Amino acid sequence: MTRLDDRRLIALARSVIEADEKAVHAALEAVDEAFVQVARLLSGAEGKVLVTGCGTSGAIAARAAHMLSVCGCPAFYLSPDDGLHGGLGVLQPSDLLIAVSKGGGPTAVYN
Protein backbone atom coordinates (compact mmCIF):
# COMPACT_ATOMS: atom_id res chain seq x y z
CA MET A 1 0.00 0.00 0.00
CA THR A 2 1.32 3.43 -0.95
CA ARG A 3 1.88 5.85 1.88
CA LEU A 4 0.43 9.33 1.31
CA ASP A 5 2.56 12.34 2.09
CA ASP A 6 1.18 14.81 4.63
CA ARG A 7 -0.02 17.37 2.05
CA ARG A 8 -1.88 14.73 0.03
CA LEU A 9 -3.47 13.31 3.18
CA ILE A 10 -4.64 16.78 4.28
CA ALA A 11 -6.04 17.48 0.79
CA LEU A 12 -7.88 14.15 0.78
CA ALA A 13 -9.38 14.75 4.24
CA ARG A 14 -10.51 18.23 3.20
CA SER A 15 -12.15 16.90 0.03
CA VAL A 16 -14.10 14.33 2.05
CA ILE A 17 -15.29 17.04 4.48
CA GLU A 18 -16.27 19.29 1.55
CA ALA A 19 -18.29 16.46 -0.03
CA ASP A 20 -20.05 15.88 3.30
CA GLU A 21 -20.75 19.61 3.56
CA LYS A 22 -22.38 19.59 0.11
CA ALA A 23 -24.51 16.57 1.02
CA VAL A 24 -25.73 18.19 4.25
CA HIS A 25 -26.45 21.45 2.43
CA ALA A 26 -28.43 19.57 -0.25
CA ALA A 27 -30.64 18.15 2.51
CA LEU A 28 -31.97 21.66 3.14
CA GLU A 29 -34.28 21.22 0.15
CA ALA A 30 -36.03 18.36 1.96
CA VAL A 31 -37.08 20.60 4.86
CA ASP A 32 -40.55 21.64 3.74
CA GLU A 33 -44.20 21.20 4.75
CA ALA A 34 -43.99 17.41 4.36
CA PHE A 35 -41.02 17.39 6.76
CA VAL A 36 -43.07 19.28 9.35
CA GLN A 37 -46.03 16.93 8.83
CA VAL A 38 -43.86 13.87 9.42
CA ALA A 39 -42.19 15.46 12.47
CA ARG A 40 -45.61 16.22 13.97
CA LEU A 41 -46.83 12.67 13.28
CA LEU A 42 -43.76 11.17 14.92
CA SER A 43 -43.85 13.46 17.95
CA GLY A 44 -47.54 12.82 18.51
CA ALA A 45 -47.54 9.10 17.76
CA GLU A 46 -49.49 7.09 20.30
CA GLY A 47 -48.33 3.73 18.96
CA LYS A 48 -45.08 2.37 17.64
CA VAL A 49 -43.25 3.09 14.38
CA LEU A 50 -42.46 0.31 11.93
CA VAL A 51 -39.63 1.17 9.54
CA THR A 52 -39.09 -0.98 6.45
CA GLY A 53 -36.92 -1.17 3.35
CA CYS A 54 -34.82 -3.74 1.51
CA GLY A 55 -31.21 -3.83 0.37
CA THR A 56 -29.34 -0.61 1.10
CA SER A 57 -32.65 1.03 2.01
CA GLY A 58 -33.19 -1.75 4.53
CA ALA A 59 -29.89 -0.96 6.23
CA ILE A 60 -30.92 2.71 6.42
CA ALA A 61 -34.39 1.71 7.69
CA ALA A 62 -32.90 -0.48 10.42
CA ARG A 63 -30.64 2.37 11.50
CA ALA A 64 -33.58 4.81 11.49
CA ALA A 65 -35.63 2.45 13.66
CA HIS A 66 -32.74 2.19 16.10
CA MET A 67 -32.28 5.97 16.24
CA LEU A 68 -36.00 6.54 16.83
CA SER A 69 -35.96 3.95 19.63
CA VAL A 70 -33.01 5.49 21.45
CA CYS A 71 -34.73 8.88 21.20
CA GLY A 72 -37.72 7.52 23.09
CA CYS A 73 -40.00 6.72 20.15
CA PRO A 74 -40.97 3.02 20.16
CA ALA A 75 -39.79 1.82 16.74
CA PHE A 76 -38.63 -1.37 15.09
CA TYR A 77 -37.41 -2.60 11.72
CA LEU A 78 -39.24 -5.22 9.68
CA SER A 79 -38.01 -6.40 6.29
CA PRO A 80 -40.58 -6.26 3.48
CA ASP A 81 -40.21 -10.04 3.01
CA ASP A 82 -41.14 -10.68 6.63
CA GLY A 83 -44.02 -8.24 6.28
CA LEU A 84 -45.41 -10.21 3.35
CA HIS A 85 -45.26 -13.41 5.37
CA GLY A 86 -47.33 -12.25 8.33
CA GLY A 87 -45.06 -9.78 10.11
CA LEU A 88 -47.44 -6.89 9.46
CA GLY A 89 -49.89 -8.49 11.89
CA VAL A 90 -48.07 -6.64 14.64
CA LEU A 91 -49.42 -3.27 13.44
CA GLN A 92 -52.27 -1.53 15.27
CA PRO A 93 -54.40 1.44 14.09
CA SER A 94 -52.34 3.89 16.19
CA ASP A 95 -49.00 2.77 14.67
CA LEU A 96 -47.02 4.54 11.95
CA LEU A 97 -45.20 3.02 8.99
CA ILE A 98 -42.11 4.48 7.33
CA ALA A 99 -41.04 2.82 4.08
CA VAL A 100 -37.55 3.73 2.86
CA SER A 101 -36.90 3.52 -0.88
CA LYS A 102 -33.68 4.21 -2.72
CA GLY A 103 -35.71 5.03 -5.82
CA GLY A 104 -36.60 8.41 -4.41
CA GLY A 105 -40.21 8.31 -5.45
CA PRO A 106 -42.81 10.76 -4.17
CA THR A 107 -43.22 11.09 -0.44
CA ALA A 108 -46.67 10.31 0.85
CA VAL A 109 -47.97 10.82 4.36
CA TYR A 110 -51.17 9.00 5.21
CA ASN A 111 -53.00 9.57 8.45
C-alpha atoms as a PDB file:
ATOM      1  CA  MET A   1       0.000   0.000   0.000  1.00  0.00           C
ATOM      2  CA  THR A   2       1.325   3.428  -0.945  1.00  0.00           C
ATOM      3  CA  ARG A   3       1.881   5.850   1.880  1.00  0.00           C
ATOM      4  CA  LEU A   4       0.433   9.329   1.306  1.00  0.00           C
ATOM      5  CA  ASP A   5       2.558  12.338   2.092  1.00  0.00           C
ATOM      6  CA  ASP A   6       1.176  14.806   4.627  1.00  0.00           C
ATOM      7  CA  ARG A   7      -0.018  17.374   2.054  1.00  0.00           C
ATOM      8  CA  ARG A   8      -1.880  14.727   0.033  1.00  0.00           C
ATOM      9  CA  LEU A   9      -3.472  13.305   3.182  1.00  0.00           C
ATOM     10  CA  ILE A  10      -4.636  16.780   4.278  1.00  0.00           C
ATOM     11  CA  ALA A  11      -6.042  17.475   0.792  1.00  0.00           C
ATOM     12  CA  LEU A  12      -7.875  14.153   0.783  1.00  0.00           C
ATOM     13  CA  ALA A  13      -9.377  14.753   4.239  1.00  0.00           C
ATOM     14  CA  ARG A  14     -10.512  18.231   3.198  1.00  0.00           C
ATOM     15  CA  SER A  15     -12.150  16.903   0.029  1.00  0.00           C
ATOM     16  CA  VAL A  16     -14.101  14.329   2.053  1.00  0.00           C
ATOM     17  CA  ILE A  17     -15.286  17.035   4.475  1.00  0.00           C
ATOM     18  CA  GLU A  18     -16.268  19.294   1.550  1.00  0.00           C
ATOM     19  CA  ALA A  19     -18.288  16.458  -0.027  1.00  0.00           C
ATOM     20  CA  ASP A  20     -20.045  15.878   3.300  1.00  0.00           C
ATOM     21  CA  GLU A  21     -20.752  19.609   3.558  1.00  0.00           C
ATOM     22  CA  LYS A  22     -22.382  19.589   0.113  1.00  0.00           C
ATOM     23  CA  ALA A  23     -24.514  16.572   1.020  1.00  0.00           C
ATOM     24  CA  VAL A  24     -25.731  18.189   4.245  1.00  0.00           C
ATOM     25  CA  HIS A  25     -26.448  21.450   2.427  1.00  0.00           C
ATOM     26  CA  ALA A  26     -28.428  19.572  -0.252  1.00  0.00           C
ATOM     27  CA  ALA A  27     -30.641  18.147   2.509  1.00  0.00           C
ATOM     28  CA  LEU A  28     -31.970  21.663   3.136  1.00  0.00           C
ATOM     29  CA  GLU A  29     -34.282  21.219   0.150  1.00  0.00           C
ATOM     30  CA  ALA A  30     -36.031  18.359   1.955  1.00  0.00           C
ATOM     31  CA  VAL A  31     -37.081  20.599   4.856  1.00  0.00           C
ATOM     32  CA  ASP A  32     -40.549  21.640   3.742  1.00  0.00           C
ATOM     33  CA  GLU A  33     -44.197  21.197   4.752  1.00  0.00           C
ATOM     34  CA  ALA A  34     -43.987  17.406   4.360  1.00  0.00           C
ATOM     35  CA  PHE A  35     -41.016  17.385   6.758  1.00  0.00           C
ATOM     36  CA  VAL A  36     -43.070  19.278   9.349  1.00  0.00           C
ATOM     37  CA  GLN A  37     -46.030  16.933   8.827  1.00  0.00           C
ATOM     38  CA  VAL A  38     -43.857  13.865   9.424  1.00  0.00           C
ATOM     39  CA  ALA A  39     -42.189  15.460  12.469  1.00  0.00           C
ATOM     40  CA  ARG A  40     -45.609  16.218  13.970  1.00  0.00           C
ATOM     41  CA  LEU A  41     -46.832  12.671  13.276  1.00  0.00           C
ATOM     42  CA  LEU A  42     -43.759  11.168  14.919  1.00  0.00           C
ATOM     43  CA  SER A  43     -43.846  13.463  17.948  1.00  0.00           C
ATOM     44  CA  GLY A  44     -47.540  12.817  18.509  1.00  0.00           C
ATOM     45  CA  ALA A  45     -47.543   9.097  17.763  1.00  0.00           C
ATOM     46  CA  GLU A  46     -49.487   7.088  20.295  1.00  0.00           C
ATOM     47  CA  GLY A  47     -48.328   3.727  18.957  1.00  0.00           C
ATOM     48  CA  LYS A  48     -45.079   2.369  17.637  1.00  0.00           C
ATOM     49  CA  VAL A  49     -43.251   3.089  14.384  1.00  0.00           C
ATOM     50  CA  LEU A  50     -42.464   0.311  11.929  1.00  0.00           C
ATOM     51  CA  VAL A  51     -39.630   1.174   9.538  1.00  0.00           C
ATOM     52  CA  THR A  52     -39.086  -0.979   6.450  1.00  0.00           C
ATOM     53  CA  GLY A  53     -36.919  -1.166   3.349  1.00  0.00           C
ATOM     54  CA  CYS A  54     -34.817  -3.739   1.513  1.00  0.00           C
ATOM     55  CA  GLY A  55     -31.213  -3.827   0.368  1.00  0.00           C
ATOM     56  CA  THR A  56     -29.339  -0.607   1.102  1.00  0.00           C
ATOM     57  CA  SER A  57     -32.653   1.031   2.008  1.00  0.00           C
ATOM     58  CA  GLY A  58     -33.191  -1.754   4.533  1.00  0.00           C
ATOM     59  CA  ALA A  59     -29.892  -0.957   6.233  1.00  0.00           C
ATOM     60  CA  ILE A  60     -30.919   2.705   6.422  1.00  0.00           C
ATOM     61  CA  ALA A  61     -34.390   1.708   7.688  1.00  0.00           C
ATOM     62  CA  ALA A  62     -32.903  -0.481  10.423  1.00  0.00           C
ATOM     63  CA  ARG A  63     -30.642   2.370  11.501  1.00  0.00           C
ATOM     64  CA  ALA A  64     -33.578   4.810  11.488  1.00  0.00           C
ATOM     65  CA  ALA A  65     -35.635   2.448  13.660  1.00  0.00           C
ATOM     66  CA  HIS A  66     -32.740   2.189  16.104  1.00  0.00           C
ATOM     67  CA  MET A  67     -32.284   5.971  16.240  1.00  0.00           C
ATOM     68  CA  LEU A  68     -36.004   6.535  16.828  1.00  0.00           C
ATOM     69  CA  SER A  69     -35.958   3.952  19.629  1.00  0.00           C
ATOM     70  CA  VAL A  70     -33.012   5.490  21.452  1.00  0.00           C
ATOM     71  CA  CYS A  71     -34.732   8.877  21.199  1.00  0.00           C
ATOM     72  CA  GLY A  72     -37.723   7.519  23.094  1.00  0.00           C
ATOM     73  CA  CYS A  73     -39.998   6.718  20.148  1.00  0.00           C
ATOM     74  CA  PRO A  74     -40.974   3.021  20.165  1.00  0.00           C
ATOM     75  CA  ALA A  75     -39.786   1.821  16.742  1.00  0.00           C
ATOM     76  CA  PHE A  76     -38.631  -1.372  15.091  1.00  0.00           C
ATOM     77  CA  TYR A  77     -37.407  -2.601  11.721  1.00  0.00           C
ATOM     78  CA  LEU A  78     -39.239  -5.219   9.681  1.00  0.00           C
ATOM     79  CA  SER A  79     -38.015  -6.403   6.294  1.00  0.00           C
ATOM     80  CA  PRO A  80     -40.581  -6.263   3.475  1.00  0.00           C
ATOM     81  CA  ASP A  81     -40.206 -10.041   3.012  1.00  0.00           C
ATOM     82  CA  ASP A  82     -41.139 -10.684   6.627  1.00  0.00           C
ATOM     83  CA  GLY A  83     -44.017  -8.239   6.279  1.00  0.00           C
ATOM     84  CA  LEU A  84     -45.412 -10.209   3.346  1.00  0.00           C
ATOM     85  CA  HIS A  85     -45.259 -13.414   5.373  1.00  0.00           C
ATOM     86  CA  GLY A  86     -47.335 -12.252   8.326  1.00  0.00           C
ATOM     87  CA  GLY A  87     -45.060  -9.784  10.115  1.00  0.00           C
ATOM     88  CA  LEU A  88     -47.438  -6.891   9.455  1.00  0.00           C
ATOM     89  CA  GLY A  89     -49.888  -8.490  11.887  1.00  0.00           C
ATOM     90  CA  VAL A  90     -48.069  -6.637  14.645  1.00  0.00           C
ATOM     91  CA  LEU A  91     -49.424  -3.267  13.444  1.00  0.00           C
ATOM     92  CA  GLN A  92     -52.272  -1.532  15.266  1.00  0.00           C
ATOM     93  CA  PRO A  93     -54.400   1.442  14.089  1.00  0.00           C
ATOM     94  CA  SER A  94     -52.344   3.894  16.193  1.00  0.00           C
ATOM     95  CA  ASP A  95     -49.003   2.772  14.665  1.00  0.00           C
ATOM     96  CA  LEU A  96     -47.024   4.540  11.945  1.00  0.00           C
ATOM     97  CA  LEU A  97     -45.196   3.018   8.989  1.00  0.00           C
ATOM     98  CA  ILE A  98     -42.106   4.477   7.334  1.00  0.00           C
ATOM     99  CA  ALA A  99     -41.044   2.817   4.077  1.00  0.00           C
ATOM    100  CA  VAL A 100     -37.551   3.733   2.864  1.00  0.00           C
ATOM    101  CA  SER A 101     -36.895   3.521  -0.876  1.00  0.00           C
ATOM    102  CA  LYS A 102     -33.676   4.213  -2.716  1.00  0.00           C
ATOM    103  CA  GLY A 103     -35.712   5.029  -5.823  1.00  0.00           C
ATOM    104  CA  GLY A 104     -36.596   8.410  -4.406  1.00  0.00           C
ATOM    105  CA  GLY A 105     -40.214   8.305  -5.451  1.00  0.00           C
ATOM    106  CA  PRO A 106     -42.806  10.755  -4.169  1.00  0.00           C
ATOM    107  CA  THR A 107     -43.216  11.092  -0.439  1.00  0.00           C
ATOM    108  CA  ALA A 108     -46.669  10.309   0.855  1.00  0.00           C
ATOM    109  CA  VAL A 109     -47.968  10.817   4.357  1.00  0.00           C
ATOM    110  CA  TYR A 110     -51.169   9.003   5.214  1.00  0.00           C
ATOM    111  CA  ASN A 111     -52.997   9.566   8.448  1.00  0.00           C
END
